[in-house]
Protein backbone atom coordinates (compact mmCIF):
# COMPACT_ATOMS: atom_id res chain seq x y z
CA MET A 1 7.28 4.71 -2.33
CA PRO A 2 10.20 4.92 0.06
CA LYS A 3 10.64 8.13 2.09
CA THR A 4 14.25 8.57 0.99
CA ASP A 5 16.51 7.45 -1.82
CA ALA A 6 19.80 5.58 -1.38
CA THR A 7 21.58 8.83 -0.44
CA GLY A 8 19.05 9.77 2.25
CA CYS A 9 17.37 12.52 0.19
CA PRO A 10 13.58 12.62 -0.07
CA PHE A 11 12.53 10.14 -2.72
CA ALA A 12 11.36 11.87 -5.89
CA GLY A 13 12.08 9.25 -8.54
CA PRO A 14 9.61 7.13 -10.43
CA GLY A 15 7.61 4.72 -8.33
CA VAL A 16 8.55 1.09 -7.91
CA ASP A 17 6.67 -1.67 -9.70
CA LEU A 18 6.67 -5.18 -8.29
CA PHE A 19 6.35 -8.18 -10.59
CA GLY A 20 6.13 -11.96 -10.26
CA GLU A 21 6.72 -13.40 -6.81
CA ALA A 22 7.33 -9.97 -5.26
CA ALA A 23 3.91 -8.76 -6.45
CA GLU A 24 2.22 -11.99 -5.38
CA GLU A 25 3.65 -11.62 -1.87
CA ALA A 26 2.48 -8.00 -1.69
CA PHE A 27 -1.06 -9.04 -2.62
CA ARG A 28 -0.95 -11.90 -0.12
CA LEU A 29 0.10 -9.52 2.65
CA ALA A 30 -2.61 -7.04 1.59
CA GLY A 31 -5.26 -9.70 2.23
CA PRO A 32 -6.01 -8.73 5.85
CA LEU A 33 -6.33 -5.05 4.90
CA LEU A 34 -8.66 -5.87 1.99
CA MET A 35 -10.76 -8.12 4.26
CA ALA A 36 -10.97 -5.33 6.86
CA LEU A 37 -12.20 -2.91 4.19
CA ALA A 38 -14.77 -5.48 3.02
CA ALA A 39 -15.96 -5.91 6.62
CA PHE A 40 -17.01 -2.24 6.62
CA GLU A 41 -18.85 -2.64 3.33
CA PRO A 42 -19.50 -6.20 2.12
CA GLY A 43 -19.47 -6.72 -1.63
CA ILE A 44 -16.93 -4.04 -2.49
CA ALA A 45 -13.97 -4.58 -4.76
CA VAL A 46 -10.91 -2.43 -4.17
CA ARG A 47 -9.65 -0.82 -7.38
CA SER A 48 -6.83 1.25 -5.87
CA LEU A 49 -5.45 1.88 -2.42
CA ALA A 50 -3.11 4.53 -1.04
CA ILE A 51 -1.92 4.63 2.54
CA ASP A 52 -0.01 7.56 3.97
CA LEU A 53 1.56 6.39 7.22
CA ASP A 54 2.82 9.87 8.14
CA LYS A 55 -0.50 11.75 8.06
CA PRO A 56 -2.09 9.00 8.65
CA ARG A 57 -4.68 8.59 5.90
CA LEU A 58 -6.15 5.82 3.77
CA THR A 59 -7.65 6.57 0.36
CA ALA A 60 -9.31 3.85 -1.71
CA THR A 61 -11.24 3.63 -4.95
CA LEU A 62 -14.02 1.09 -4.55
CA HIS A 63 -16.28 -0.70 -7.01
CA ALA A 64 -19.71 -1.80 -5.90
CA GLU A 65 -23.17 -1.38 -7.39
CA GLY A 66 -23.08 1.49 -9.86
CA ARG A 67 -19.94 3.52 -10.53
CA PRO A 68 -16.65 3.54 -8.62
CA ARG A 69 -16.29 5.91 -5.70
CA VAL A 70 -13.41 7.24 -3.62
CA VAL A 71 -13.31 6.79 0.13
CA ARG A 72 -10.90 8.70 2.37
CA ILE A 73 -10.43 7.86 6.04
CA ASP A 74 -8.39 10.36 8.06
CA ALA A 75 -9.09 9.48 11.69
CA GLY A 76 -11.01 7.40 14.15
CA PRO A 77 -11.37 3.73 15.03
CA ALA A 78 -11.87 2.69 11.40
CA LEU A 79 -8.50 4.12 10.38
CA THR A 80 -6.82 2.58 13.43
CA ARG A 81 -8.24 -0.84 12.56
CA LEU A 82 -7.15 -0.56 8.92
CA LEU A 83 -3.64 0.65 9.79
CA ILE A 84 -3.16 -2.30 12.15
CA GLU A 85 -3.76 -4.55 9.14
CA THR A 86 -1.03 -2.79 7.13
CA THR A 87 1.94 -3.58 9.40
CA ALA A 88 3.32 -6.66 7.62
CA LEU A 89 2.48 -5.22 4.20
CA ALA A 90 4.24 -1.90 4.91
CA LEU A 91 7.40 -3.66 6.12
CA TYR A 92 7.43 -5.92 3.07
CA LEU A 93 6.83 -3.08 0.60
CA ALA A 94 9.66 -1.02 2.11
CA GLU A 95 12.04 -3.96 1.70
CA ALA A 96 10.80 -4.86 -1.80
CA ALA A 97 11.00 -1.23 -2.94
CA GLY A 98 14.57 -0.99 -1.65
CA LEU A 99 15.55 -4.14 -3.54
CA ALA A 100 13.84 -2.94 -6.72
CA LEU A 101 15.60 0.44 -6.51
CA ALA A 102 18.96 -1.23 -5.90
CA ALA A 103 18.42 -3.47 -8.91
CA ARG A 104 17.43 -0.46 -11.01
CA GLU A 105 20.70 1.25 -10.02
CA GLY A 106 22.73 -1.90 -10.72
CA ARG A 107 23.48 -2.60 -7.05
CA THR A 108 22.93 -5.98 -5.40
CA GLY A 109 22.01 -6.73 -1.83
């Protein structure tokens, strides 16, 4: 979600959903991050992913053998490597979220 709304206030509204081409591009740009996660643990499937760029922190729900589990990475070389892979994705999501919010409010770019 964006840090602020259109007026500069902290964003508190409902999250932004991406559909169609916007969602496809987000998943394409997430590829390097997903591959980096898989490099740490081959055979995993990522169910959900949350990245807090301010803290920084990465939280993921992973499926592998057995039941899903949550992984949280708060520091160290692993987090640094994963955050490097988020750069293009984070820029795209900020832009796409802004466009989705503008469309929701009836504004155009």
